[in-house]
Amino acid sequence: MLPSLHRAAVVPAALITLALGLTLPLGACSGRSGGDGDVALSDGGWGGGSGGMAPMTAISALEGDWVQKGCVTVGAQSFKKTLRARTTGQATLDYYEGVLIFAGNGCAGASQQVGPSKLGVVRFARSDASPALAARWGELHTVMGTHAGAIWALPSAHRLCLLGDEIPSSLPSLSAVAASVASLPADNCFVR
């Protein structure tokens, strides 16, 4: 457990919401592949799974706590988004988000965790994988009653990228997902 910050250093909830809103919400909604072939990924930590740990399509690979690589600075504090995935079935998981609050800039040092709060349930319809990428396509059903397409992609066993999608999918193939993930800034994705 991370040590708590002094209460005076805690930002009001509205400012936290603003900071999270300024971060890159559900990943990216960009990048269609031009062809049907596999997309070659540059080795910027995106392809193949580091340390010989290839990504897996099993829903259990998504389970657990993740921290977004990106850091948002607001005033004298900084923030990182957290994600928690709890599998509830063979193709469903509960999706939670929270935030880590740091007393200084750069998301360094002690932090205080706020949340996570449940955002909804993700129901996956299918999955696919190559040695460089695993992906699951589905729908996010929010606690507010809305739903949207979602793709959860694992470029490695320790990196998770969330992609907003349409219904039906605008990224229907693994190569299209790979192209979209390759175009994401590294800070958009989550790590363990």
N, C-alpha and C. Protein backbone atom coordinates (compact mmCIF):
# COMPACT_ATOMS: atom_id res chain seq x y z
N MET A 1 0.84 -1.18 0.00
CA MET A 1 0.00 0.00 0.00
C MET A 1 0.88 1.24 0.00
N LEU A 2 0.51 2.22 -0.78
CA LEU A 2 1.29 3.44 -0.88
C LEU A 2 0.98 4.37 0.29
N PRO A 3 1.98 5.10 0.80
CA PRO A 3 1.71 6.01 1.90
C PRO A 3 0.77 7.12 1.46
N SER A 4 -0.02 7.60 2.39
CA SER A 4 -0.96 8.67 2.09
C SER A 4 -0.27 10.02 2.09
N LEU A 5 -0.83 10.93 1.33
CA LEU A 5 -0.36 12.31 1.33
C LEU A 5 -1.05 13.06 2.46
N HIS A 6 -0.49 14.17 2.85
CA HIS A 6 -1.11 15.04 3.84
C HIS A 6 -2.45 15.50 3.28
N ARG A 7 -3.48 15.56 4.11
CA ARG A 7 -4.82 15.92 3.65
C ARG A 7 -4.86 17.26 2.92
N ALA A 8 -4.04 18.20 3.29
CA ALA A 8 -4.04 19.51 2.63
C ALA A 8 -3.58 19.41 1.19
N ALA A 9 -2.89 18.34 0.85
CA ALA A 9 -2.37 18.18 -0.50
C ALA A 9 -3.38 17.53 -1.44
N VAL A 10 -4.52 17.12 -0.92
CA VAL A 10 -5.51 16.43 -1.73
C VAL A 10 -6.33 17.45 -2.52
N VAL A 11 -6.49 17.17 -3.80
CA VAL A 11 -7.24 18.05 -4.69
C VAL A 11 -8.73 17.72 -4.58
N PRO A 12 -9.60 18.73 -4.64
CA PRO A 12 -11.03 18.45 -4.61
C PRO A 12 -11.44 17.52 -5.74
N ALA A 13 -12.52 16.77 -5.51
CA ALA A 13 -12.98 15.77 -6.48
C ALA A 13 -13.25 16.38 -7.85
N ALA A 14 -13.79 17.59 -7.92
CA ALA A 14 -14.07 18.21 -9.22
C ALA A 14 -12.80 18.42 -10.02
N LEU A 15 -11.71 18.80 -9.36
CA LEU A 15 -10.45 19.00 -10.06
C LEU A 15 -9.86 17.68 -10.52
N ILE A 16 -10.05 16.62 -9.72
CA ILE A 16 -9.59 15.29 -10.14
C ILE A 16 -10.35 14.87 -11.38
N THR A 17 -11.67 15.08 -11.39
CA THR A 17 -12.47 14.73 -12.55
C THR A 17 -12.01 15.50 -13.77
N LEU A 18 -11.71 16.79 -13.61
CA LEU A 18 -11.20 17.59 -14.71
C LEU A 18 -9.87 17.04 -15.20
N ALA A 19 -8.98 16.70 -14.28
CA ALA A 19 -7.67 16.17 -14.67
C ALA A 19 -7.82 14.86 -15.42
N LEU A 20 -8.71 13.99 -14.95
CA LEU A 20 -8.92 12.73 -15.65
C LEU A 20 -9.56 12.95 -17.00
N GLY A 21 -10.45 13.93 -17.08
CA GLY A 21 -11.07 14.25 -18.36
C GLY A 21 -10.08 14.77 -19.37
N LEU A 22 -9.01 15.39 -18.90
CA LEU A 22 -7.98 15.90 -19.79
C LEU A 22 -7.01 14.81 -20.22
N THR A 23 -6.97 13.70 -19.48
CA THR A 23 -6.12 12.60 -19.91
C THR A 23 -6.78 11.94 -21.10
N LEU A 24 -6.13 11.01 -21.67
CA LEU A 24 -6.63 10.36 -22.86
C LEU A 24 -7.61 9.29 -22.42
N PRO A 25 -8.92 9.54 -22.56
CA PRO A 25 -9.93 8.72 -21.94
C PRO A 25 -9.87 7.23 -22.29
N LEU A 26 -10.50 6.79 -23.30
CA LEU A 26 -10.58 5.36 -23.58
C LEU A 26 -9.61 4.98 -24.67
N GLY A 27 -8.46 5.59 -24.71
CA GLY A 27 -7.48 5.25 -25.74
C GLY A 27 -7.71 6.08 -26.96
N ALA A 28 -7.64 5.46 -28.12
CA ALA A 28 -7.77 6.18 -29.37
C ALA A 28 -8.84 5.53 -30.22
N CYS A 29 -9.42 6.31 -31.08
CA CYS A 29 -10.43 5.80 -31.99
C CYS A 29 -9.92 5.92 -33.41
N SER A 30 -8.62 5.75 -33.59
CA SER A 30 -8.04 5.99 -34.90
C SER A 30 -7.39 4.76 -35.45
N GLY A 31 -7.01 4.86 -36.69
CA GLY A 31 -6.10 3.90 -37.29
C GLY A 31 -6.74 2.68 -37.88
N ARG A 32 -7.18 2.78 -39.11
CA ARG A 32 -7.58 1.59 -39.85
C ARG A 32 -6.39 1.10 -40.63
N SER A 33 -6.26 -0.18 -40.71
CA SER A 33 -5.20 -0.77 -41.51
C SER A 33 -5.56 -0.63 -42.97
N GLY A 34 -4.57 -0.33 -43.79
CA GLY A 34 -4.81 -0.20 -45.21
C GLY A 34 -4.97 -1.54 -45.89
N GLY A 35 -4.50 -2.61 -45.31
CA GLY A 35 -4.57 -3.91 -45.96
C GLY A 35 -4.96 -4.98 -44.98
N ASP A 36 -5.00 -6.20 -45.49
CA ASP A 36 -5.41 -7.31 -44.66
C ASP A 36 -4.24 -8.03 -44.02
N GLY A 37 -3.01 -7.68 -44.41
CA GLY A 37 -1.85 -8.37 -43.88
C GLY A 37 -1.49 -7.88 -42.50
N ASP A 38 -0.59 -8.61 -41.86
CA ASP A 38 -0.11 -8.19 -40.55
C ASP A 38 0.66 -6.90 -40.67
N VAL A 39 0.57 -6.07 -39.66
CA VAL A 39 1.28 -4.80 -39.63
C VAL A 39 2.58 -5.01 -38.90
N ALA A 40 3.67 -4.57 -39.50
CA ALA A 40 4.97 -4.68 -38.83
C ALA A 40 5.04 -3.62 -37.75
N LEU A 41 5.33 -4.03 -36.55
CA LEU A 41 5.41 -3.10 -35.43
C LEU A 41 6.87 -2.79 -35.14
N SER A 42 7.17 -1.51 -34.97
CA SER A 42 8.52 -1.15 -34.56
C SER A 42 8.72 -1.61 -33.13
N ASP A 43 9.93 -1.89 -32.74
CA ASP A 43 10.18 -2.41 -31.40
C ASP A 43 10.32 -1.27 -30.42
N GLY A 44 9.23 -0.55 -30.19
CA GLY A 44 9.20 0.49 -29.18
C GLY A 44 8.51 -0.01 -27.93
N GLY A 45 8.64 -1.28 -27.65
CA GLY A 45 7.96 -1.86 -26.50
C GLY A 45 6.56 -2.33 -26.85
N TRP A 46 6.16 -2.22 -28.12
CA TRP A 46 4.80 -2.57 -28.51
C TRP A 46 4.67 -4.00 -28.98
N GLY A 47 5.68 -4.55 -29.61
CA GLY A 47 5.49 -5.84 -30.25
C GLY A 47 6.15 -6.99 -29.52
N GLY A 48 5.56 -8.14 -29.66
CA GLY A 48 6.19 -9.38 -29.28
C GLY A 48 6.22 -9.74 -27.82
N GLY A 49 5.88 -8.86 -26.96
CA GLY A 49 5.97 -9.18 -25.54
C GLY A 49 7.40 -9.16 -25.08
N SER A 50 7.71 -8.34 -24.11
CA SER A 50 9.09 -8.23 -23.64
C SER A 50 9.47 -9.43 -22.80
N GLY A 51 10.75 -9.76 -22.82
CA GLY A 51 11.25 -10.86 -22.00
C GLY A 51 10.65 -12.20 -22.38
N GLY A 52 10.26 -12.36 -23.67
CA GLY A 52 9.70 -13.62 -24.11
C GLY A 52 8.29 -13.87 -23.62
N MET A 53 7.63 -12.88 -23.08
CA MET A 53 6.28 -13.05 -22.56
C MET A 53 5.28 -12.55 -23.59
N ALA A 54 4.85 -13.44 -24.46
CA ALA A 54 3.90 -13.07 -25.50
C ALA A 54 2.53 -12.81 -24.90
N PRO A 55 1.76 -11.91 -25.51
CA PRO A 55 0.41 -11.64 -25.01
C PRO A 55 -0.50 -12.86 -25.19
N MET A 56 -1.54 -12.95 -24.36
CA MET A 56 -2.48 -14.07 -24.40
C MET A 56 -3.89 -13.56 -24.65
N THR A 57 -4.72 -14.40 -25.30
CA THR A 57 -6.10 -14.00 -25.53
C THR A 57 -7.01 -14.34 -24.36
N ALA A 58 -6.57 -15.17 -23.42
CA ALA A 58 -7.42 -15.54 -22.28
C ALA A 58 -7.84 -14.30 -21.51
N ILE A 59 -9.11 -14.26 -21.13
CA ILE A 59 -9.61 -13.10 -20.39
C ILE A 59 -8.85 -12.89 -19.09
N SER A 60 -8.31 -13.95 -18.54
CA SER A 60 -7.54 -13.83 -17.29
C SER A 60 -6.30 -12.95 -17.46
N ALA A 61 -5.82 -12.78 -18.69
CA ALA A 61 -4.66 -11.92 -18.95
C ALA A 61 -4.98 -10.45 -18.68
N LEU A 62 -6.26 -10.10 -18.70
CA LEU A 62 -6.68 -8.71 -18.45
C LEU A 62 -6.89 -8.43 -16.96
N GLU A 63 -7.08 -9.46 -16.19
CA GLU A 63 -7.41 -9.37 -14.76
C GLU A 63 -6.34 -8.61 -13.99
N GLY A 64 -6.79 -7.76 -13.07
CA GLY A 64 -5.86 -7.14 -12.13
C GLY A 64 -5.86 -5.62 -12.19
N ASP A 65 -4.85 -5.06 -11.56
CA ASP A 65 -4.69 -3.61 -11.45
C ASP A 65 -3.64 -3.13 -12.43
N TRP A 66 -3.95 -2.03 -13.11
CA TRP A 66 -3.09 -1.43 -14.12
C TRP A 66 -2.95 0.06 -13.82
N VAL A 67 -1.84 0.66 -14.24
CA VAL A 67 -1.61 2.10 -14.06
C VAL A 67 -1.26 2.69 -15.42
N GLN A 68 -1.93 3.79 -15.78
CA GLN A 68 -1.63 4.44 -17.05
C GLN A 68 -0.24 5.05 -17.02
N LYS A 69 0.50 4.89 -18.10
CA LYS A 69 1.86 5.41 -18.17
C LYS A 69 1.89 6.93 -18.13
N GLY A 70 0.89 7.57 -18.71
CA GLY A 70 0.86 9.02 -18.80
C GLY A 70 0.67 9.69 -17.45
N CYS A 71 1.19 10.89 -17.34
CA CYS A 71 1.11 11.69 -16.12
C CYS A 71 0.52 13.05 -16.49
N VAL A 72 -0.49 13.49 -15.74
CA VAL A 72 -1.11 14.80 -15.95
C VAL A 72 -0.75 15.69 -14.77
N THR A 73 -0.24 16.89 -15.06
CA THR A 73 0.11 17.84 -14.01
C THR A 73 -0.93 18.95 -13.98
N VAL A 74 -1.46 19.23 -12.79
CA VAL A 74 -2.40 20.32 -12.57
C VAL A 74 -1.90 21.08 -11.36
N GLY A 75 -1.45 22.31 -11.57
CA GLY A 75 -0.89 23.09 -10.47
C GLY A 75 0.35 22.41 -9.93
N ALA A 76 0.40 22.24 -8.63
CA ALA A 76 1.57 21.64 -7.98
C ALA A 76 1.40 20.14 -7.78
N GLN A 77 0.36 19.55 -8.37
CA GLN A 77 0.13 18.11 -8.21
C GLN A 77 0.13 17.43 -9.56
N SER A 78 0.27 16.11 -9.52
CA SER A 78 0.20 15.32 -10.75
C SER A 78 -0.63 14.07 -10.51
N PHE A 79 -1.11 13.47 -11.61
CA PHE A 79 -2.08 12.39 -11.52
C PHE A 79 -1.77 11.30 -12.54
N LYS A 80 -2.09 10.06 -12.18
CA LYS A 80 -2.07 8.92 -13.09
C LYS A 80 -3.39 8.18 -12.94
N LYS A 81 -3.95 7.77 -14.05
CA LYS A 81 -5.19 7.00 -14.02
C LYS A 81 -4.87 5.55 -13.68
N THR A 82 -5.76 4.91 -12.91
CA THR A 82 -5.63 3.48 -12.62
C THR A 82 -6.82 2.75 -13.22
N LEU A 83 -6.63 1.48 -13.49
CA LEU A 83 -7.66 0.63 -14.06
C LEU A 83 -7.65 -0.68 -13.30
N ARG A 84 -8.81 -1.17 -12.98
CA ARG A 84 -8.94 -2.49 -12.35
C ARG A 84 -9.92 -3.31 -13.19
N ALA A 85 -9.52 -4.50 -13.55
CA ALA A 85 -10.37 -5.43 -14.29
C ALA A 85 -10.59 -6.67 -13.45
N ARG A 86 -11.86 -7.02 -13.23
CA ARG A 86 -12.22 -8.21 -12.46
C ARG A 86 -13.09 -9.09 -13.34
N THR A 87 -12.59 -10.26 -13.69
CA THR A 87 -13.38 -11.16 -14.54
C THR A 87 -14.58 -11.68 -13.76
N THR A 88 -15.71 -11.73 -14.44
CA THR A 88 -16.95 -12.20 -13.83
C THR A 88 -17.54 -13.37 -14.60
N GLY A 89 -16.91 -13.73 -15.71
CA GLY A 89 -17.37 -14.83 -16.54
C GLY A 89 -16.34 -15.14 -17.60
N GLN A 90 -16.65 -16.09 -18.47
CA GLN A 90 -15.70 -16.48 -19.50
C GLN A 90 -15.45 -15.37 -20.52
N ALA A 91 -16.39 -14.44 -20.64
CA ALA A 91 -16.23 -13.37 -21.63
C ALA A 91 -16.66 -12.01 -21.08
N THR A 92 -16.72 -11.86 -19.75
CA THR A 92 -17.13 -10.58 -19.17
C THR A 92 -16.19 -10.18 -18.05
N LEU A 93 -16.10 -8.87 -17.87
CA LEU A 93 -15.34 -8.35 -16.73
C LEU A 93 -15.96 -7.06 -16.25
N ASP A 94 -15.78 -6.79 -14.97
CA ASP A 94 -16.15 -5.50 -14.39
C ASP A 94 -14.98 -4.56 -14.57
N TYR A 95 -15.27 -3.32 -14.99
CA TYR A 95 -14.26 -2.33 -15.34
C TYR A 95 -14.33 -1.18 -14.34
N TYR A 96 -13.21 -0.92 -13.67
CA TYR A 96 -13.11 0.14 -12.66
C TYR A 96 -12.00 1.10 -13.06
N GLU A 97 -12.15 2.38 -12.70
CA GLU A 97 -11.07 3.35 -12.85
C GLU A 97 -10.93 4.16 -11.58
N GLY A 98 -9.71 4.62 -11.33
CA GLY A 98 -9.40 5.48 -10.20
C GLY A 98 -8.27 6.41 -10.60
N VAL A 99 -7.66 7.03 -9.61
CA VAL A 99 -6.57 7.96 -9.89
C VAL A 99 -5.56 7.89 -8.75
N LEU A 100 -4.30 8.02 -9.11
CA LEU A 100 -3.23 8.20 -8.13
C LEU A 100 -2.90 9.68 -8.10
N ILE A 101 -2.86 10.28 -6.92
CA ILE A 101 -2.55 11.70 -6.76
C ILE A 101 -1.16 11.81 -6.15
N PHE A 102 -0.30 12.59 -6.81
CA PHE A 102 1.07 12.82 -6.34
C PHE A 102 1.19 14.26 -5.89
N ALA A 103 1.96 14.51 -4.83
CA ALA A 103 2.10 15.85 -4.26
C ALA A 103 2.88 16.80 -5.18
N GLY A 104 3.74 16.29 -6.02
CA GLY A 104 4.54 17.14 -6.89
C GLY A 104 4.30 16.84 -8.35
N ASN A 105 5.08 17.52 -9.19
CA ASN A 105 5.00 17.30 -10.63
C ASN A 105 5.70 16.00 -11.02
N GLY A 106 5.36 15.46 -12.15
CA GLY A 106 6.07 14.31 -12.69
C GLY A 106 5.64 12.97 -12.14
N CYS A 107 4.58 12.91 -11.36
CA CYS A 107 4.07 11.64 -10.82
C CYS A 107 5.15 10.83 -10.12
N ALA A 108 5.95 11.50 -9.33
CA ALA A 108 7.03 10.83 -8.59
C ALA A 108 6.77 10.94 -7.09
N GLY A 109 7.31 10.00 -6.36
CA GLY A 109 7.19 10.02 -4.91
C GLY A 109 5.93 9.34 -4.43
N ALA A 110 5.56 9.67 -3.20
CA ALA A 110 4.38 9.07 -2.56
C ALA A 110 3.11 9.50 -3.28
N SER A 111 2.12 8.62 -3.28
CA SER A 111 0.85 8.94 -3.91
C SER A 111 -0.30 8.48 -3.02
N GLN A 112 -1.45 9.04 -3.30
CA GLN A 112 -2.68 8.63 -2.64
C GLN A 112 -3.62 8.12 -3.72
N GLN A 113 -4.25 6.98 -3.48
CA GLN A 113 -5.18 6.43 -4.46
C GLN A 113 -6.59 6.86 -4.13
N VAL A 114 -7.31 7.34 -5.14
CA VAL A 114 -8.72 7.67 -5.04
C VAL A 114 -9.46 6.67 -5.93
N GLY A 115 -10.41 5.96 -5.35
CA GLY A 115 -11.11 4.93 -6.11
C GLY A 115 -10.38 3.61 -5.99
N PRO A 116 -10.65 2.72 -6.84
CA PRO A 116 -11.38 2.88 -8.10
C PRO A 116 -12.89 2.76 -7.93
N SER A 117 -13.59 3.32 -8.91
CA SER A 117 -15.05 3.23 -8.97
C SER A 117 -15.43 2.42 -10.20
N LYS A 118 -16.50 1.67 -10.07
CA LYS A 118 -16.94 0.84 -11.20
C LYS A 118 -17.52 1.72 -12.29
N LEU A 119 -17.00 1.57 -13.52
CA LEU A 119 -17.52 2.30 -14.67
C LEU A 119 -18.53 1.48 -15.45
N GLY A 120 -18.39 0.16 -15.37
CA GLY A 120 -19.33 -0.67 -16.11
C GLY A 120 -18.85 -2.10 -16.26
N VAL A 121 -19.48 -2.78 -17.21
CA VAL A 121 -19.18 -4.18 -17.51
C VAL A 121 -18.79 -4.26 -18.98
N VAL A 122 -17.72 -4.99 -19.27
CA VAL A 122 -17.32 -5.22 -20.65
C VAL A 122 -17.69 -6.66 -21.00
N ARG A 123 -18.45 -6.81 -22.09
CA ARG A 123 -18.83 -8.13 -22.59
C ARG A 123 -18.11 -8.34 -23.91
N PHE A 124 -17.19 -9.29 -23.92
CA PHE A 124 -16.40 -9.55 -25.11
C PHE A 124 -17.09 -10.57 -26.00
N ALA A 125 -17.05 -10.32 -27.31
CA ALA A 125 -17.67 -11.21 -28.28
C ALA A 125 -16.65 -12.13 -28.95
N ARG A 126 -15.40 -11.65 -29.07
CA ARG A 126 -14.39 -12.47 -29.74
C ARG A 126 -13.00 -12.00 -29.36
N SER A 127 -12.02 -12.84 -29.71
CA SER A 127 -10.62 -12.49 -29.46
C SER A 127 -9.77 -13.06 -30.57
N ASP A 128 -8.56 -12.52 -30.69
CA ASP A 128 -7.60 -12.99 -31.69
C ASP A 128 -6.21 -12.66 -31.17
N ALA A 129 -5.21 -13.37 -31.66
CA ALA A 129 -3.84 -13.10 -31.20
C ALA A 129 -2.84 -13.52 -32.25
N SER A 130 -1.70 -12.86 -32.18
CA SER A 130 -0.51 -13.22 -32.94
C SER A 130 0.63 -13.22 -31.92
N PRO A 131 1.84 -13.57 -32.32
CA PRO A 131 2.95 -13.49 -31.36
C PRO A 131 3.21 -12.06 -30.86
N ALA A 132 2.72 -11.05 -31.60
CA ALA A 132 2.99 -9.66 -31.24
C ALA A 132 1.85 -8.96 -30.53
N LEU A 133 0.63 -9.50 -30.58
CA LEU A 133 -0.52 -8.76 -30.05
C LEU A 133 -1.68 -9.71 -29.80
N ALA A 134 -2.38 -9.49 -28.69
CA ALA A 134 -3.65 -10.17 -28.42
C ALA A 134 -4.71 -9.09 -28.27
N ALA A 135 -5.92 -9.37 -28.74
CA ALA A 135 -6.99 -8.38 -28.65
C ALA A 135 -8.32 -9.07 -28.39
N ARG A 136 -9.20 -8.35 -27.67
CA ARG A 136 -10.56 -8.80 -27.41
C ARG A 136 -11.50 -7.68 -27.82
N TRP A 137 -12.51 -8.01 -28.62
CA TRP A 137 -13.50 -7.06 -29.08
C TRP A 137 -14.78 -7.26 -28.27
N GLY A 138 -15.42 -6.16 -27.87
CA GLY A 138 -16.65 -6.29 -27.12
C GLY A 138 -17.37 -4.97 -26.98
N GLU A 139 -18.25 -4.92 -25.99
CA GLU A 139 -19.03 -3.71 -25.70
C GLU A 139 -18.89 -3.37 -24.23
N LEU A 140 -18.67 -2.09 -23.96
CA LEU A 140 -18.68 -1.56 -22.60
C LEU A 140 -20.09 -1.08 -22.30
N HIS A 141 -20.70 -1.66 -21.27
CA HIS A 141 -22.01 -1.23 -20.78
C HIS A 141 -21.77 -0.47 -19.49
N THR A 142 -21.96 0.85 -19.52
CA THR A 142 -21.61 1.69 -18.38
C THR A 142 -22.67 1.63 -17.29
N VAL A 143 -22.29 2.06 -16.10
CA VAL A 143 -23.23 2.12 -14.98
C VAL A 143 -24.31 3.17 -15.24
N MET A 144 -24.09 4.06 -16.21
CA MET A 144 -25.08 5.09 -16.56
C MET A 144 -26.08 4.60 -17.60
N GLY A 145 -25.92 3.35 -18.07
CA GLY A 145 -26.87 2.78 -19.01
C GLY A 145 -26.50 2.96 -20.48
N THR A 146 -25.34 3.50 -20.78
CA THR A 146 -24.92 3.64 -22.17
C THR A 146 -24.03 2.46 -22.54
N HIS A 147 -23.80 2.30 -23.84
CA HIS A 147 -22.86 1.26 -24.26
C HIS A 147 -22.10 1.73 -25.49
N ALA A 148 -20.90 1.20 -25.64
CA ALA A 148 -20.03 1.56 -26.76
C ALA A 148 -19.12 0.38 -27.06
N GLY A 149 -18.65 0.33 -28.29
CA GLY A 149 -17.69 -0.69 -28.65
C GLY A 149 -16.37 -0.45 -27.94
N ALA A 150 -15.68 -1.52 -27.64
CA ALA A 150 -14.39 -1.42 -26.95
C ALA A 150 -13.49 -2.56 -27.39
N ILE A 151 -12.22 -2.23 -27.55
CA ILE A 151 -11.21 -3.25 -27.84
C ILE A 151 -10.14 -3.14 -26.77
N TRP A 152 -9.85 -4.25 -26.13
CA TRP A 152 -8.78 -4.32 -25.14
C TRP A 152 -7.64 -5.07 -25.80
N ALA A 153 -6.52 -4.40 -26.00
CA ALA A 153 -5.38 -4.98 -26.70
C ALA A 153 -4.19 -5.14 -25.77
N LEU A 154 -3.53 -6.27 -25.88
CA LEU A 154 -2.33 -6.56 -25.10
C LEU A 154 -1.14 -6.69 -26.05
N PRO A 155 -0.35 -5.61 -26.21
CA PRO A 155 0.86 -5.72 -27.03
C PRO A 155 1.93 -6.56 -26.34
N SER A 156 1.84 -6.70 -25.04
CA SER A 156 2.71 -7.59 -24.27
C SER A 156 1.94 -8.03 -23.04
N ALA A 157 2.50 -8.96 -22.30
CA ALA A 157 1.80 -9.46 -21.11
C ALA A 157 1.65 -8.40 -20.03
N HIS A 158 2.43 -7.32 -20.11
CA HIS A 158 2.42 -6.29 -19.07
C HIS A 158 1.99 -4.93 -19.59
N ARG A 159 1.36 -4.87 -20.76
CA ARG A 159 0.90 -3.60 -21.32
C ARG A 159 -0.49 -3.79 -21.90
N LEU A 160 -1.41 -2.91 -21.50
CA LEU A 160 -2.80 -2.96 -21.92
C LEU A 160 -3.17 -1.64 -22.57
N CYS A 161 -3.73 -1.70 -23.77
CA CYS A 161 -4.18 -0.50 -24.48
C CYS A 161 -5.68 -0.64 -24.74
N LEU A 162 -6.44 0.38 -24.38
CA LEU A 162 -7.88 0.39 -24.61
C LEU A 162 -8.17 1.23 -25.83
N LEU A 163 -8.98 0.70 -26.72
CA LEU A 163 -9.36 1.42 -27.93
C LEU A 163 -10.86 1.59 -27.95
N GLY A 164 -11.31 2.82 -28.17
CA GLY A 164 -12.73 3.05 -28.40
C GLY A 164 -13.08 2.46 -29.76
N ASP A 165 -14.28 1.95 -29.91
CA ASP A 165 -14.66 1.31 -31.16
C ASP A 165 -16.11 1.64 -31.46
N GLU A 166 -16.54 1.24 -32.63
CA GLU A 166 -17.92 1.40 -33.05
C GLU A 166 -18.60 0.04 -33.04
N ILE A 167 -19.93 0.05 -33.20
CA ILE A 167 -20.68 -1.19 -33.30
C ILE A 167 -21.41 -1.15 -34.64
N PRO A 168 -21.10 -1.97 -35.63
CA PRO A 168 -20.05 -2.98 -35.64
C PRO A 168 -18.66 -2.34 -35.66
N SER A 169 -17.67 -3.15 -35.41
CA SER A 169 -16.30 -2.67 -35.22
C SER A 169 -15.75 -1.95 -36.44
N SER A 170 -15.07 -0.84 -36.18
CA SER A 170 -14.34 -0.14 -37.24
C SER A 170 -12.92 -0.68 -37.36
N LEU A 171 -12.54 -1.56 -36.44
CA LEU A 171 -11.22 -2.21 -36.46
C LEU A 171 -11.46 -3.73 -36.39
N PRO A 172 -11.99 -4.32 -37.46
CA PRO A 172 -12.46 -5.70 -37.38
C PRO A 172 -11.38 -6.78 -37.40
N SER A 173 -10.15 -6.42 -37.75
CA SER A 173 -9.10 -7.44 -37.83
C SER A 173 -7.98 -7.14 -36.84
N LEU A 174 -7.21 -8.16 -36.53
CA LEU A 174 -6.07 -7.99 -35.64
C LEU A 174 -5.06 -7.03 -36.24
N SER A 175 -4.89 -7.06 -37.56
CA SER A 175 -3.94 -6.14 -38.19
C SER A 175 -4.42 -4.69 -38.07
N ALA A 176 -5.73 -4.45 -38.13
CA ALA A 176 -6.26 -3.09 -37.95
C ALA A 176 -6.04 -2.62 -36.51
N VAL A 177 -6.24 -3.51 -35.55
CA VAL A 177 -5.98 -3.16 -34.14
C VAL A 177 -4.50 -2.88 -33.95
N ALA A 178 -3.63 -3.70 -34.54
CA ALA A 178 -2.19 -3.50 -34.42
C ALA A 178 -1.78 -2.13 -34.97
N ALA A 179 -2.35 -1.73 -36.10
CA ALA A 179 -2.03 -0.42 -36.67
C ALA A 179 -2.48 0.70 -35.75
N SER A 180 -3.65 0.56 -35.14
CA SER A 180 -4.15 1.58 -34.22
C SER A 180 -3.29 1.66 -32.97
N VAL A 181 -2.94 0.51 -32.40
CA VAL A 181 -2.08 0.49 -31.21
C VAL A 181 -0.72 1.09 -31.52
N ALA A 182 -0.18 0.80 -32.71
CA ALA A 182 1.13 1.34 -33.09
C ALA A 182 1.10 2.86 -33.21
N SER A 183 -0.08 3.44 -33.49
CA SER A 183 -0.18 4.89 -33.63
C SER A 183 -0.42 5.60 -32.30
N LEU A 184 -0.70 4.85 -31.24
CA LEU A 184 -0.96 5.45 -29.93
C LEU A 184 0.33 5.95 -29.29
N PRO A 185 0.29 7.09 -28.61
CA PRO A 185 1.42 7.45 -27.75
C PRO A 185 1.54 6.41 -26.63
N ALA A 186 2.75 6.06 -26.26
CA ALA A 186 2.97 5.04 -25.22
C ALA A 186 2.27 5.40 -23.92
N ASP A 187 2.12 6.70 -23.62
CA ASP A 187 1.51 7.13 -22.37
C ASP A 187 0.02 6.82 -22.28
N ASN A 188 -0.62 6.51 -23.40
CA ASN A 188 -2.05 6.18 -23.38
C ASN A 188 -2.34 4.83 -22.76
N CYS A 189 -1.37 3.93 -22.82
CA CYS A 189 -1.59 2.56 -22.39
C CYS A 189 -1.31 2.38 -20.90
N PHE A 190 -1.73 1.25 -20.38
CA PHE A 190 -1.59 0.91 -18.97
C PHE A 190 -0.53 -0.17 -18.81
N VAL A 191 0.15 -0.15 -17.68
CA VAL A 191 1.16 -1.17 -17.37
C VAL A 191 0.85 -1.75 -16.00
N ARG A 192 1.44 -2.91 -15.73
CA ARG A 192 1.29 -3.54 -14.41
C ARG A 192 2.40 -3.06 -13.52
